[in-house]
Amino acid sequence: IASQTLPLYEIIVLDDCSTDGSMA
């Protein structure tokens, strides 16, 4: 996502109560 050639306005990551250590 960050490597896109068009500058992005914002990135919003939504974690839906992952149980695999995603948040860390």
PDB file of all heavy atoms in Angstrom:
ATOM      1  N   ILE A   1       0.840  -1.197   0.000  1.00  0.00           N
ATOM      2  CA  ILE A   1       0.000   0.000   0.000  1.00  0.00           C
ATOM      3  C   ILE A   1       0.877   1.250   0.000  1.00  0.00           C
ATOM      4  O   ILE A   1       0.658   2.185  -0.777  1.00  0.00           O
ATOM      5  CB  ILE A   1      -0.942  -0.010   1.224  1.00  0.00           C
ATOM      6  CG1 ILE A   1      -1.990  -1.115   1.069  1.00  0.00           C
ATOM      7  CG2 ILE A   1      -1.615   1.342   1.410  1.00  0.00           C
ATOM      8  CD1 ILE A   1      -2.797  -1.384   2.327  1.00  0.00           C
ATOM      9  N   ALA A   2       1.896   1.254   0.862  1.00  0.00           N
ATOM     10  CA  ALA A   2       2.760   2.429   0.974  1.00  0.00           C
ATOM     11  C   ALA A   2       3.589   2.670  -0.282  1.00  0.00           C
ATOM     12  O   ALA A   2       4.047   3.795  -0.511  1.00  0.00           O
ATOM     13  CB  ALA A   2       3.686   2.270   2.181  1.00  0.00           C
ATOM     14  N   SER A   3       3.762   1.650  -1.101  1.00  0.00           N
ATOM     15  CA  SER A   3       4.598   1.789  -2.308  1.00  0.00           C
ATOM     16  C   SER A   3       3.813   2.312  -3.507  1.00  0.00           C
ATOM     17  O   SER A   3       4.351   2.381  -4.621  1.00  0.00           O
ATOM     18  CB  SER A   3       5.241   0.447  -2.657  1.00  0.00           C
ATOM     19  OG  SER A   3       4.258  -0.503  -3.046  1.00  0.00           O
ATOM     20  N   GLN A   4       2.554   2.707  -3.308  1.00  0.00           N
ATOM     21  CA  GLN A   4       1.751   3.205  -4.421  1.00  0.00           C
ATOM     22  C   GLN A   4       2.359   4.484  -5.006  1.00  0.00           C
ATOM     23  O   GLN A   4       2.862   5.336  -4.285  1.00  0.00           O
ATOM     24  CB  GLN A   4       0.322   3.471  -3.962  1.00  0.00           C
ATOM     25  CG  GLN A   4      -0.459   2.220  -3.608  1.00  0.00           C
ATOM     26  CD  GLN A   4      -0.600   1.276  -4.785  1.00  0.00           C
ATOM     27  OE1 GLN A   4      -1.104   1.654  -5.841  1.00  0.00           O
ATOM     28  NE2 GLN A   4      -0.140   0.048  -4.616  1.00  0.00           N
ATOM     29  N   THR A   5       2.296   4.598  -6.328  1.00  0.00           N
ATOM     30  CA  THR A   5       2.890   5.754  -7.004  1.00  0.00           C
ATOM     31  C   THR A   5       2.083   7.033  -6.811  1.00  0.00           C
ATOM     32  O   THR A   5       2.628   8.128  -6.959  1.00  0.00           O
ATOM     33  CB  THR A   5       3.038   5.468  -8.508  1.00  0.00           C
ATOM     34  OG1 THR A   5       1.757   5.082  -9.044  1.00  0.00           O
ATOM     35  CG2 THR A   5       4.038   4.352  -8.754  1.00  0.00           C
ATOM     36  N   LEU A   6       0.798   6.912  -6.505  1.00  0.00           N
ATOM     37  CA  LEU A   6      -0.013   8.085  -6.191  1.00  0.00           C
ATOM     38  C   LEU A   6       0.009   8.294  -4.677  1.00  0.00           C
ATOM     39  O   LEU A   6      -0.299   7.371  -3.927  1.00  0.00           O
ATOM     40  CB  LEU A   6      -1.460   7.885  -6.660  1.00  0.00           C
ATOM     41  CG  LEU A   6      -2.397   9.068  -6.421  1.00  0.00           C
ATOM     42  CD1 LEU A   6      -2.100  10.192  -7.409  1.00  0.00           C
ATOM     43  CD2 LEU A   6      -3.849   8.644  -6.546  1.00  0.00           C
ATOM     44  N   PRO A   7       0.372   9.499  -4.198  1.00  0.00           N
ATOM     45  CA  PRO A   7       0.390   9.726  -2.746  1.00  0.00           C
ATOM     46  C   PRO A   7      -0.983   9.491  -2.127  1.00  0.00           C
ATOM     47  O   PRO A   7      -1.991   9.987  -2.622  1.00  0.00           O
ATOM     48  CB  PRO A   7       0.797  11.204  -2.626  1.00  0.00           C
ATOM     49  CG  PRO A   7       1.494  11.517  -3.898  1.00  0.00           C
ATOM     50  CD  PRO A   7       0.827  10.677  -4.955  1.00  0.00           C
ATOM     51  N   LEU A   8      -1.007   8.714  -1.056  1.00  0.00           N
ATOM     52  CA  LEU A   8      -2.260   8.373  -0.388  1.00  0.00           C
ATOM     53  C   LEU A   8      -2.574   9.397   0.700  1.00  0.00           C
ATOM     54  O   LEU A   8      -1.675   9.907   1.366  1.00  0.00           O
ATOM     55  CB  LEU A   8      -2.168   6.979   0.225  1.00  0.00           C
ATOM     56  CG  LEU A   8      -1.875   5.852  -0.774  1.00  0.00           C
ATOM     57  CD1 LEU A   8      -1.581   4.555  -0.042  1.00  0.00           C
ATOM     58  CD2 LEU A   8      -3.024   5.680  -1.753  1.00  0.00           C
ATOM     59  N   TYR A   9      -3.849   9.673   0.879  1.00  0.00           N
ATOM     60  CA  TYR A   9      -4.289  10.661   1.858  1.00  0.00           C
ATOM     61  C   TYR A   9      -4.187  10.114   3.282  1.00  0.00           C
ATOM     62  O   TYR A   9      -3.760  10.809   4.193  1.00  0.00           O
ATOM     63  CB  TYR A   9      -5.723  11.061   1.537  1.00  0.00           C
ATOM     64  CG  TYR A   9      -6.198  12.331   2.194  1.00  0.00           C
ATOM     65  CD1 TYR A   9      -5.499  13.519   2.039  1.00  0.00           C
ATOM     66  CD2 TYR A   9      -7.368  12.351   2.947  1.00  0.00           C
ATOM     67  CE1 TYR A   9      -5.946  14.700   2.620  1.00  0.00           C
ATOM     68  CE2 TYR A   9      -7.825  13.522   3.530  1.00  0.00           C
ATOM     69  CZ  TYR A   9      -7.111  14.691   3.368  1.00  0.00           C
ATOM     70  OH  TYR A   9      -7.555  15.858   3.951  1.00  0.00           O
ATOM     71  N   GLU A  10      -4.593   8.850   3.463  1.00  0.00           N
ATOM     72  CA  GLU A  10      -4.560   8.246   4.793  1.00  0.00           C
ATOM     73  C   GLU A  10      -4.698   6.731   4.652  1.00  0.00           C
ATOM     74  O   GLU A  10      -5.230   6.219   3.664  1.00  0.00           O
ATOM     75  CB  GLU A  10      -5.700   8.782   5.669  1.00  0.00           C
ATOM     76  CG  GLU A  10      -7.085   8.507   5.114  1.00  0.00           C
ATOM     77  CD  GLU A  10      -8.200   9.182   5.907  1.00  0.00           C
ATOM     78  OE1 GLU A  10      -7.943   9.633   7.036  1.00  0.00           O
ATOM     79  OE2 GLU A  10      -9.336   9.254   5.386  1.00  0.00           O
ATOM     80  N   ILE A  11      -4.169   6.027   5.654  1.00  0.00           N
ATOM     81  CA  ILE A  11      -4.326   4.578   5.760  1.00  0.00           C
ATOM     82  C   ILE A  11      -4.957   4.295   7.116  1.00  0.00           C
ATOM     83  O   ILE A  11      -4.466   4.753   8.152  1.00  0.00           O
ATOM     84  CB  ILE A  11      -2.973   3.844   5.653  1.00  0.00           C
ATOM     85  CG1 ILE A  11      -2.269   4.181   4.334  1.00  0.00           C
ATOM     86  CG2 ILE A  11      -3.175   2.334   5.780  1.00  0.00           C
ATOM     87  CD1 ILE A  11      -0.847   3.649   4.258  1.00  0.00           C
ATOM     88  N   ILE A  12      -6.055   3.545   7.110  1.00  0.00           N
ATOM     89  CA  ILE A  12      -6.765   3.206   8.345  1.00  0.00           C
ATOM     90  C   ILE A  12      -6.777   1.682   8.463  1.00  0.00           C
ATOM     91  O   ILE A  12      -7.368   0.991   7.632  1.00  0.00           O
ATOM     92  CB  ILE A  12      -8.202   3.743   8.329  1.00  0.00           C
ATOM     93  CG1 ILE A  12      -8.206   5.270   8.137  1.00  0.00           C
ATOM     94  CG2 ILE A  12      -8.937   3.367   9.609  1.00  0.00           C
ATOM     95  CD1 ILE A  12      -9.576   5.849   7.835  1.00  0.00           C
ATOM     96  N   VAL A  13      -6.123   1.159   9.497  1.00  0.00           N
ATOM     97  CA  VAL A  13      -6.093  -0.287   9.734  1.00  0.00           C
ATOM     98  C   VAL A  13      -7.117  -0.618  10.804  1.00  0.00           C
ATOM     99  O   VAL A  13      -7.103  -0.051  11.901  1.00  0.00           O
ATOM    100  CB  VAL A  13      -4.692  -0.748  10.180  1.00  0.00           C
ATOM    101  CG1 VAL A  13      -4.691  -2.253  10.457  1.00  0.00           C
ATOM    102  CG2 VAL A  13      -3.643  -0.399   9.128  1.00  0.00           C
ATOM    103  N   LEU A  14      -8.024  -1.530  10.484  1.00  0.00           N
ATOM    104  CA  LEU A  14      -9.069  -1.950  11.413  1.00  0.00           C
ATOM    105  C   LEU A  14      -8.814  -3.400  11.826  1.00  0.00           C
ATOM    106  O   LEU A  14      -8.868  -4.298  10.990  1.00  0.00           O
ATOM    107  CB  LEU A  14     -10.448  -1.850  10.755  1.00  0.00           C
ATOM    108  CG  LEU A  14     -10.858  -0.489  10.183  1.00  0.00           C
ATOM    109  CD1 LEU A  14     -12.228  -0.602   9.531  1.00  0.00           C
ATOM    110  CD2 LEU A  14     -10.865   0.578  11.260  1.00  0.00           C
ATOM    111  N   ASP A  15      -8.540  -3.624  13.103  1.00  0.00           N
ATOM    112  CA  ASP A  15      -8.357  -4.995  13.574  1.00  0.00           C
ATOM    113  C   ASP A  15      -9.615  -5.446  14.299  1.00  0.00           C
ATOM    114  O   ASP A  15     -10.086  -4.784  15.227  1.00  0.00           O
ATOM    115  CB  ASP A  15      -7.150  -5.117  14.496  1.00  0.00           C
ATOM    116  CG  ASP A  15      -6.860  -6.569  14.817  1.00  0.00           C
ATOM    117  OD1 ASP A  15      -6.285  -7.263  13.955  1.00  0.00           O
ATOM    118  OD2 ASP A  15      -7.260  -7.030  15.914  1.00  0.00           O
ATOM    119  N   ASP A  16     -10.146  -6.601  13.861  1.00  0.00           N
ATOM    120  CA  ASP A  16     -11.432  -7.093  14.359  1.00  0.00           C
ATOM    121  C   ASP A  16     -11.238  -8.146  15.445  1.00  0.00           C
ATOM    122  O   ASP A  16     -11.703  -9.276  15.332  1.00  0.00           O
ATOM    123  CB  ASP A  16     -12.252  -7.655  13.198  1.00  0.00           C
ATOM    124  CG  ASP A  16     -13.752  -7.628  13.459  1.00  0.00           C
ATOM    125  OD1 ASP A  16     -14.163  -7.038  14.471  1.00  0.00           O
ATOM    126  OD2 ASP A  16     -14.505  -8.172  12.636  1.00  0.00           O
ATOM    127  N   CYS A  17     -10.510  -7.760  16.521  1.00  0.00           N
ATOM    128  CA  CYS A  17     -10.241  -8.671  17.653  1.00  0.00           C
ATOM    129  C   CYS A  17      -9.475  -9.913  17.207  1.00  0.00           C
ATOM    130  O   CYS A  17      -9.880 -11.050  17.515  1.00  0.00           O
ATOM    131  CB  CYS A  17     -11.533  -9.072  18.355  1.00  0.00           C
ATOM    132  SG  CYS A  17     -12.251  -7.757  19.322  1.00  0.00           S
ATOM    133  N   SER A  18      -8.395  -9.727  16.490  1.00  0.00           N
ATOM    134  CA  SER A  18      -7.562 -10.854  16.080  1.00  0.00           C
ATOM    135  C   SER A  18      -7.021 -11.588  17.303  1.00  0.00           C
ATOM    136  O   SER A  18      -6.774 -10.988  18.352  1.00  0.00           O
ATOM    137  CB  SER A  18      -6.393 -10.367  15.220  1.00  0.00           C
ATOM    138  OG  SER A  18      -6.838  -9.839  13.999  1.00  0.00           O
ATOM    139  N   THR A  19      -6.789 -12.894  17.129  1.00  0.00           N
ATOM    140  CA  THR A  19      -6.273 -13.719  18.227  1.00  0.00           C
ATOM    141  C   THR A  19      -4.885 -14.257  17.924  1.00  0.00           C
ATOM    142  O   THR A  19      -4.380 -15.104  18.658  1.00  0.00           O
ATOM    143  CB  THR A  19      -7.230 -14.899  18.481  1.00  0.00           C
ATOM    144  OG1 THR A  19      -7.364 -15.672  17.267  1.00  0.00           O
ATOM    145  CG2 THR A  19      -8.600 -14.410  18.923  1.00  0.00           C
ATOM    146  N   ASP A  20      -4.256 -13.765  16.849  1.00  0.00           N
ATOM    147  CA  ASP A  20      -2.958 -14.312  16.416  1.00  0.00           C
ATOM    148  C   ASP A  20      -1.802 -13.352  16.642  1.00  0.00           C
ATOM    149  O   ASP A  20      -0.726 -13.532  16.075  1.00  0.00           O
ATOM    150  CB  ASP A  20      -3.025 -14.684  14.933  1.00  0.00           C
ATOM    151  CG  ASP A  20      -3.170 -13.456  14.029  1.00  0.00           C
ATOM    152  OD1 ASP A  20      -3.554 -12.386  14.541  1.00  0.00           O
ATOM    153  OD2 ASP A  20      -2.889 -13.579  12.821  1.00  0.00           O
ATOM    154  N   GLY A  21      -2.001 -12.338  17.495  1.00  0.00           N
ATOM    155  CA  GLY A  21      -0.937 -11.364  17.725  1.00  0.00           C
ATOM    156  C   GLY A  21      -0.855 -10.293  16.660  1.00  0.00           C
ATOM    157  O   GLY A  21       0.165  -9.604  16.538  1.00  0.00           O
ATOM    158  N   SER A  22      -1.930 -10.112  15.894  1.00  0.00           N
ATOM    159  CA  SER A  22      -1.925  -9.115  14.821  1.00  0.00           C
ATOM    160  C   SER A  22      -1.611  -7.716  15.333  1.00  0.00           C
ATOM    161  O   SER A  22      -0.850  -6.974  14.715  1.00  0.00           O
ATOM    162  CB  SER A  22      -3.279  -9.095  14.103  1.00  0.00           C
ATOM    163  OG  SER A  22      -3.402 -10.141  13.183  1.00  0.00           O
ATOM    164  N   MET A  23      -2.223  -7.321  16.467  1.00  0.00           N
ATOM    165  CA  MET A  23      -2.048  -5.957  16.944  1.00  0.00           C
ATOM    166  C   MET A  23      -0.592  -5.669  17.280  1.00  0.00           C
ATOM    167  O   MET A  23      -0.074  -4.582  16.971  1.00  0.00           O
ATOM    168  CB  MET A  23      -2.933  -5.688  18.162  1.00  0.00           C
ATOM    169  CG  MET A  23      -4.362  -5.340  17.814  1.00  0.00           C
ATOM    170  SD  MET A  23      -4.509  -3.886  16.729  1.00  0.00           S
ATOM    171  CE  MET A  23      -3.778  -2.611  17.753  1.00  0.00           C
ATOM    172  N   ALA A  24       0.085  -6.619  17.889  1.00  0.00           N
ATOM    173  CA  ALA A  24       1.504  -6.419  18.207  1.00  0.00           C
ATOM    174  C   ALA A  24       2.310  -6.243  16.932  1.00  0.00           C
ATOM    175  O   ALA A  24       3.212  -5.396  16.852  1.00  0.00           O
ATOM    176  CB  ALA A  24       2.029  -7.594  19.018  1.00  0.00           C
TER     177      ALA A  24
END
